[in-house]
Amino acid sequence: MGTKGAVGERAILAVGTEAGPALRSLLNQGIGALDELTGKLKNAKGSAAETAAVMGDNLRGRWVG
């Protein structure tokens, strides 16, 4: 977090005590790591939709809607 310590600390507090350490670790790795994670999350959107479609493609999924 370097020179942005106060701003970083507010960000950590905003996400809470459970996610804070993970955010701190990501911030310490730099913007490249954040960009990489963002890209992976964007690419996962299609996989999540595909998984949801498969899970819903059964009798209960069609019944519940």
PDB file of N, CA and C in Angstrom:
ATOM      1  N   MET A   1       0.823  -1.182   0.000  1.00  0.00           N
ATOM      2  CA  MET A   1       0.000   0.000   0.000  1.00  0.00           C
ATOM      3  C   MET A   1       0.866   1.242   0.000  1.00  0.00           C
ATOM      4  N   GLY A   2       2.083   1.139   0.384  1.00  0.00           N
ATOM      5  CA  GLY A   2       3.051   2.206   0.263  1.00  0.00           C
ATOM      6  C   GLY A   2       2.576   3.559   0.741  1.00  0.00           C
ATOM      7  N   THR A   3       2.692   4.555  -0.143  1.00  0.00           N
ATOM      8  CA  THR A   3       2.345   5.930   0.216  1.00  0.00           C
ATOM      9  C   THR A   3       0.854   6.141   0.343  1.00  0.00           C
ATOM     10  N   LYS A   4       0.070   5.228  -0.091  1.00  0.00           N
ATOM     11  CA  LYS A   4      -1.392   5.342  -0.020  1.00  0.00           C
ATOM     12  C   LYS A   4      -1.932   4.589   1.192  1.00  0.00           C
ATOM     13  N   GLY A   5      -1.166   4.507   2.246  1.00  0.00           N
ATOM     14  CA  GLY A   5      -1.529   3.731   3.422  1.00  0.00           C
ATOM     15  C   GLY A   5      -2.890   4.042   3.994  1.00  0.00           C
ATOM     16  N   ALA A   6      -3.191   5.333   4.198  1.00  0.00           N
ATOM     17  CA  ALA A   6      -4.478   5.704   4.800  1.00  0.00           C
ATOM     18  C   ALA A   6      -5.641   5.311   3.899  1.00  0.00           C
ATOM     19  N   VAL A   7      -5.488   5.546   2.607  1.00  0.00           N
ATOM     20  CA  VAL A   7      -6.544   5.177   1.656  1.00  0.00           C
ATOM     21  C   VAL A   7      -6.691   3.660   1.611  1.00  0.00           C
ATOM     22  N   GLY A   8      -5.577   2.960   1.605  1.00  0.00           N
ATOM     23  CA  GLY A   8      -5.606   1.501   1.596  1.00  0.00           C
ATOM     24  C   GLY A   8      -6.250   0.937   2.843  1.00  0.00           C
ATOM     25  N   GLU A   9      -5.939   1.533   3.984  1.00  0.00           N
ATOM     26  CA  GLU A   9      -6.542   1.072   5.229  1.00  0.00           C
ATOM     27  C   GLU A   9      -8.054   1.255   5.209  1.00  0.00           C
ATOM     28  N   ARG A  10      -8.531   2.358   4.642  1.00  0.00           N
ATOM     29  CA  ARG A  10      -9.979   2.571   4.536  1.00  0.00           C
ATOM     30  C   ARG A  10     -10.604   1.520   3.625  1.00  0.00           C
ATOM     31  N   ALA A  11      -9.902   1.156   2.557  1.00  0.00           N
ATOM     32  CA  ALA A  11     -10.411   0.119   1.650  1.00  0.00           C
ATOM     33  C   ALA A  11     -10.495  -1.220   2.371  1.00  0.00           C
ATOM     34  N   ILE A  12      -9.479  -1.540   3.159  1.00  0.00           N
ATOM     35  CA  ILE A  12      -9.470  -2.787   3.921  1.00  0.00           C
ATOM     36  C   ILE A  12     -10.653  -2.815   4.885  1.00  0.00           C
ATOM     37  N   LEU A  13     -10.866  -1.708   5.593  1.00  0.00           N
ATOM     38  CA  LEU A  13     -11.979  -1.635   6.541  1.00  0.00           C
ATOM     39  C   LEU A  13     -13.326  -1.738   5.829  1.00  0.00           C
ATOM     40  N   ALA A  14     -13.404  -1.204   4.615  1.00  0.00           N
ATOM     41  CA  ALA A  14     -14.665  -1.225   3.869  1.00  0.00           C
ATOM     42  C   ALA A  14     -15.079  -2.648   3.496  1.00  0.00           C
ATOM     43  N   VAL A  15     -14.117  -3.514   3.209  1.00  0.00           N
ATOM     44  CA  VAL A  15     -14.460  -4.884   2.813  1.00  0.00           C
ATOM     45  C   VAL A  15     -14.599  -5.814   4.005  1.00  0.00           C
ATOM     46  N   GLY A  16     -14.216  -5.354   5.177  1.00  0.00           N
ATOM     47  CA  GLY A  16     -14.423  -6.143   6.387  1.00  0.00           C
ATOM     48  C   GLY A  16     -13.206  -6.924   6.824  1.00  0.00           C
ATOM     49  N   THR A  17     -13.324  -7.487   8.000  1.00  0.00           N
ATOM     50  CA  THR A  17     -12.175  -8.169   8.593  1.00  0.00           C
ATOM     51  C   THR A  17     -11.873  -9.510   7.931  1.00  0.00           C
ATOM     52  N   GLU A  18     -12.864 -10.158   7.344  1.00  0.00           N
ATOM     53  CA  GLU A  18     -12.610 -11.453   6.712  1.00  0.00           C
ATOM     54  C   GLU A  18     -11.931 -11.297   5.359  1.00  0.00           C
ATOM     55  N   ALA A  19     -12.412 -10.374   4.535  1.00  0.00           N
ATOM     56  CA  ALA A  19     -11.843 -10.197   3.198  1.00  0.00           C
ATOM     57  C   ALA A  19     -10.662  -9.233   3.209  1.00  0.00           C
ATOM     58  N   GLY A  20     -10.506  -8.468   4.275  1.00  0.00           N
ATOM     59  CA  GLY A  20      -9.440  -7.474   4.357  1.00  0.00           C
ATOM     60  C   GLY A  20      -8.048  -8.031   4.108  1.00  0.00           C
ATOM     61  N   PRO A  21      -7.648  -9.112   4.786  1.00  0.00           N
ATOM     62  CA  PRO A  21      -6.309  -9.656   4.553  1.00  0.00           C
ATOM     63  C   PRO A  21      -6.076 -10.081   3.099  1.00  0.00           C
ATOM     64  N   ALA A  22      -7.092 -10.628   2.456  1.00  0.00           N
ATOM     65  CA  ALA A  22      -6.949 -11.023   1.050  1.00  0.00           C
ATOM     66  C   ALA A  22      -6.764  -9.796   0.170  1.00  0.00           C
ATOM     67  N   LEU A  23      -7.534  -8.735   0.451  1.00  0.00           N
ATOM     68  CA  LEU A  23      -7.383  -7.500  -0.315  1.00  0.00           C
ATOM     69  C   LEU A  23      -6.008  -6.903  -0.090  1.00  0.00           C
ATOM     70  N   ARG A  24      -5.544  -6.910   1.149  1.00  0.00           N
ATOM     71  CA  ARG A  24      -4.212  -6.374   1.456  1.00  0.00           C
ATOM     72  C   ARG A  24      -3.142  -7.139   0.681  1.00  0.00           C
ATOM     73  N   SER A  25      -3.246  -8.457   0.652  1.00  0.00           N
ATOM     74  CA  SER A  25      -2.286  -9.279  -0.075  1.00  0.00           C
ATOM     75  C   SER A  25      -2.295  -8.953  -1.561  1.00  0.00           C
ATOM     76  N   LEU A  26      -3.488  -8.808  -2.125  1.00  0.00           N
ATOM     77  CA  LEU A  26      -3.612  -8.480  -3.543  1.00  0.00           C
ATOM     78  C   LEU A  26      -3.011  -7.111  -3.835  1.00  0.00           C
ATOM     79  N   LEU A  27      -3.302  -6.131  -2.982  1.00  0.00           N
ATOM     80  CA  LEU A  27      -2.759  -4.789  -3.182  1.00  0.00           C
ATOM     81  C   LEU A  27      -1.238  -4.786  -3.074  1.00  0.00           C
ATOM     82  N   ASN A  28      -0.698  -5.599  -2.172  1.00  0.00           N
ATOM     83  CA  ASN A  28       0.753  -5.671  -2.011  1.00  0.00           C
ATOM     84  C   ASN A  28       1.434  -6.284  -3.232  1.00  0.00           C
ATOM     85  N   GLN A  29       0.709  -7.094  -4.002  1.00  0.00           N
ATOM     86  CA  GLN A  29       1.277  -7.715  -5.198  1.00  0.00           C
ATOM     87  C   GLN A  29       1.334  -6.754  -6.375  1.00  0.00           C
ATOM     88  N   GLY A  30       0.574  -5.672  -6.308  1.00  0.00           N
ATOM     89  CA  GLY A  30       0.622  -4.655  -7.353  1.00  0.00           C
ATOM     90  C   GLY A  30      -0.536  -4.733  -8.329  1.00  0.00           C
ATOM     91  N   ILE A  31      -0.569  -3.737  -9.196  1.00  0.00           N
ATOM     92  CA  ILE A  31      -1.677  -3.587 -10.143  1.00  0.00           C
ATOM     93  C   ILE A  31      -1.713  -4.729 -11.153  1.00  0.00           C
ATOM     94  N   GLY A  32      -0.560  -5.293 -11.470  1.00  0.00           N
ATOM     95  CA  GLY A  32      -0.523  -6.413 -12.409  1.00  0.00           C
ATOM     96  C   GLY A  32      -1.312  -7.607 -11.897  1.00  0.00           C
ATOM     97  N   ALA A  33      -1.167  -7.894 -10.604  1.00  0.00           N
ATOM     98  CA  ALA A  33      -1.907  -9.008 -10.004  1.00  0.00           C
ATOM     99  C   ALA A  33      -3.398  -8.719  -9.993  1.00  0.00           C
ATOM    100  N   LEU A  34      -3.757  -7.465  -9.731  1.00  0.00           N
ATOM    101  CA  LEU A  34      -5.169  -7.085  -9.736  1.00  0.00           C
ATOM    102  C   LEU A  34      -5.752  -7.211 -11.138  1.00  0.00           C
ATOM    103  N   ASP A  35      -5.009  -6.768 -12.141  1.00  0.00           N
ATOM    104  CA  ASP A  35      -5.468  -6.900 -13.526  1.00  0.00           C
ATOM    105  C   ASP A  35      -5.636  -8.372 -13.916  1.00  0.00           C
ATOM    106  N   GLU A  36      -4.698  -9.210 -13.479  1.00  0.00           N
ATOM    107  CA  GLU A  36      -4.778 -10.643 -13.794  1.00  0.00           C
ATOM    108  C   GLU A  36      -6.017 -11.265 -13.152  1.00  0.00           C
ATOM    109  N   LEU A  37      -6.264 -10.935 -11.888  1.00  0.00           N
ATOM    110  CA  LEU A  37      -7.443 -11.466 -11.202  1.00  0.00           C
ATOM    111  C   LEU A  37      -8.721 -10.979 -11.868  1.00  0.00           C
ATOM    112  N   THR A  38      -8.759  -9.709 -12.239  1.00  0.00           N
ATOM    113  CA  THR A  38      -9.933  -9.153 -12.912  1.00  0.00           C
ATOM    114  C   THR A  38     -10.206  -9.900 -14.213  1.00  0.00           C
ATOM    115  N   GLY A  39      -9.166 -10.169 -14.986  1.00  0.00           N
ATOM    116  CA  GLY A  39      -9.317 -10.914 -16.232  1.00  0.00           C
ATOM    117  C   GLY A  39      -9.848 -12.314 -15.998  1.00  0.00           C
ATOM    118  N   LYS A  40      -9.332 -12.979 -14.977  1.00  0.00           N
ATOM    119  CA  LYS A  40      -9.799 -14.333 -14.668  1.00  0.00           C
ATOM    120  C   LYS A  40     -11.265 -14.329 -14.258  1.00  0.00           C
ATOM    121  N   LEU A  41     -11.655 -13.339 -13.467  1.00  0.00           N
ATOM    122  CA  LEU A  41     -13.053 -13.261 -13.041  1.00  0.00           C
ATOM    123  C   LEU A  41     -13.978 -12.985 -14.217  1.00  0.00           C
ATOM    124  N   LYS A  42     -13.547 -12.131 -15.137  1.00  0.00           N
ATOM    125  CA  LYS A  42     -14.368 -11.841 -16.320  1.00  0.00           C
ATOM    126  C   LYS A  42     -14.509 -13.081 -17.193  1.00  0.00           C
ATOM    127  N   ASN A  43     -13.445 -13.857 -17.324  1.00  0.00           N
ATOM    128  CA  ASN A  43     -13.497 -15.078 -18.127  1.00  0.00           C
ATOM    129  C   ASN A  43     -14.321 -16.164 -17.451  1.00  0.00           C
ATOM    130  N   ALA A  44     -14.426 -16.130 -16.137  1.00  0.00           N
ATOM    131  CA  ALA A  44     -15.178 -17.145 -15.401  1.00  0.00           C
ATOM    132  C   ALA A  44     -16.684 -16.969 -15.556  1.00  0.00           C
ATOM    133  N   LYS A  45     -17.110 -15.791 -15.990  1.00  0.00           N
ATOM    134  CA  LYS A  45     -18.541 -15.523 -16.116  1.00  0.00           C
ATOM    135  C   LYS A  45     -19.213 -16.539 -17.037  1.00  0.00           C
ATOM    136  N   GLY A  46     -18.592 -16.866 -18.142  1.00  0.00           N
ATOM    137  CA  GLY A  46     -19.152 -17.842 -19.068  1.00  0.00           C
ATOM    138  C   GLY A  46     -19.217 -19.230 -18.460  1.00  0.00           C
ATOM    139  N   SER A  47     -18.191 -19.602 -17.711  1.00  0.00           N
ATOM    140  CA  SER A  47     -18.177 -20.907 -17.054  1.00  0.00           C
ATOM    141  C   SER A  47     -19.274 -21.007 -16.012  1.00  0.00           C
ATOM    142  N   ALA A  48     -19.497 -19.941 -15.269  1.00  0.00           N
ATOM    143  CA  ALA A  48     -20.544 -19.951 -14.244  1.00  0.00           C
ATOM    144  C   ALA A  48     -21.919 -20.086 -14.880  1.00  0.00           C
ATOM    145  N   ALA A  49     -22.147 -19.390 -15.974  1.00  0.00           N
ATOM    146  CA  ALA A  49     -23.437 -19.476 -16.663  1.00  0.00           C
ATOM    147  C   ALA A  49     -23.653 -20.878 -17.226  1.00  0.00           C
ATOM    148  N   GLU A  50     -22.597 -21.462 -17.770  1.00  0.00           N
ATOM    149  CA  GLU A  50     -22.695 -22.816 -18.319  1.00  0.00           C
ATOM    150  C   GLU A  50     -22.997 -23.829 -17.214  1.00  0.00           C
ATOM    151  N   THR A  51     -22.332 -23.693 -16.083  1.00  0.00           N
ATOM    152  CA  THR A  51     -22.579 -24.590 -14.952  1.00  0.00           C
ATOM    153  C   THR A  51     -24.005 -24.451 -14.448  1.00  0.00           C
ATOM    154  N   ALA A  52     -24.491 -23.226 -14.344  1.00  0.00           N
ATOM    155  CA  ALA A  52     -25.867 -22.993 -13.892  1.00  0.00           C
ATOM    156  C   ALA A  52     -26.871 -23.617 -14.855  1.00  0.00           C
ATOM    157  N   ALA A  53     -26.599 -23.520 -16.152  1.00  0.00           N
ATOM    158  CA  ALA A  53     -27.503 -24.104 -17.146  1.00  0.00           C
ATOM    159  C   ALA A  53     -27.547 -25.622 -17.014  1.00  0.00           C
ATOM    160  N   VAL A  54     -26.388 -26.236 -16.819  1.00  0.00           N
ATOM    161  CA  VAL A  54     -26.330 -27.689 -16.667  1.00  0.00           C
ATOM    162  C   VAL A  54     -27.059 -28.113 -15.392  1.00  0.00           C
ATOM    163  N   MET A  55     -26.844 -27.379 -14.306  1.00  0.00           N
ATOM    164  CA  MET A  55     -27.486 -27.727 -13.037  1.00  0.00           C
ATOM    165  C   MET A  55     -29.001 -27.543 -13.098  1.00  0.00           C
ATOM    166  N   GLY A  56     -29.458 -26.609 -13.905  1.00  0.00           N
ATOM    167  CA  GLY A  56     -30.889 -26.370 -14.023  1.00  0.00           C
ATOM    168  C   GLY A  56     -31.572 -27.261 -15.038  1.00  0.00           C
ATOM    169  N   ASP A  57     -30.779 -28.002 -15.820  1.00  0.00           N
ATOM    170  CA  ASP A  57     -31.335 -28.851 -16.874  1.00  0.00           C
ATOM    171  C   ASP A  57     -31.672 -30.233 -16.316  1.00  0.00           C
ATOM    172  N   ASN A  58     -32.655 -30.264 -15.439  1.00  0.00           N
ATOM    173  CA  ASN A  58     -33.142 -31.517 -14.875  1.00  0.00           C
ATOM    174  C   ASN A  58     -34.603 -31.314 -14.494  1.00  0.00           C
ATOM    175  N   LEU A  59     -35.232 -32.331 -13.994  1.00  0.00           N
ATOM    176  CA  LEU A  59     -36.658 -32.238 -13.674  1.00  0.00           C
ATOM    177  C   LEU A  59     -36.931 -31.136 -12.657  1.00  0.00           C
ATOM    178  N   ARG A  60     -36.158 -31.100 -11.582  1.00  0.00           N
ATOM    179  CA  ARG A  60     -36.386 -30.075 -10.559  1.00  0.00           C
ATOM    180  C   ARG A  60     -36.136 -28.685 -11.133  1.00  0.00           C
ATOM    181  N   GLY A  61     -35.089 -28.538 -11.926  1.00  0.00           N
ATOM    182  CA  GLY A  61     -34.782 -27.247 -12.523  1.00  0.00           C
ATOM    183  C   GLY A  61     -35.889 -26.755 -13.431  1.00  0.00           C
ATOM    184  N   ARG A  62     -36.493 -27.651 -14.162  1.00  0.00           N
ATOM    185  CA  ARG A  62     -37.592 -27.262 -15.052  1.00  0.00           C
ATOM    186  C   ARG A  62     -38.868 -26.991 -14.261  1.00  0.00           C
ATOM    187  N   TRP A  63     -39.043 -27.718 -13.159  1.00  0.00           N
ATOM    188  CA  TRP A  63     -40.237 -27.546 -12.350  1.00  0.00           C
ATOM    189  C   TRP A  63     -40.187 -26.233 -11.568  1.00  0.00           C
ATOM    190  N   VAL A  64     -39.045 -25.958 -10.939  1.00  0.00           N
ATOM    191  CA  VAL A  64     -38.891 -24.748 -10.135  1.00  0.00           C
ATOM    192  C   VAL A  64     -38.797 -23.524 -11.035  1.00  0.00           C
ATOM    193  N   GLY A  65     -38.180 -23.686 -12.183  1.00  0.00           N
ATOM    194  CA  GLY A  65     -38.130 -22.606 -13.149  1.00  0.00           C
ATOM    195  C   GLY A  65     -36.921 -21.811 -13.051  1.00  0.00           C
TER     196      GLY A  65
END
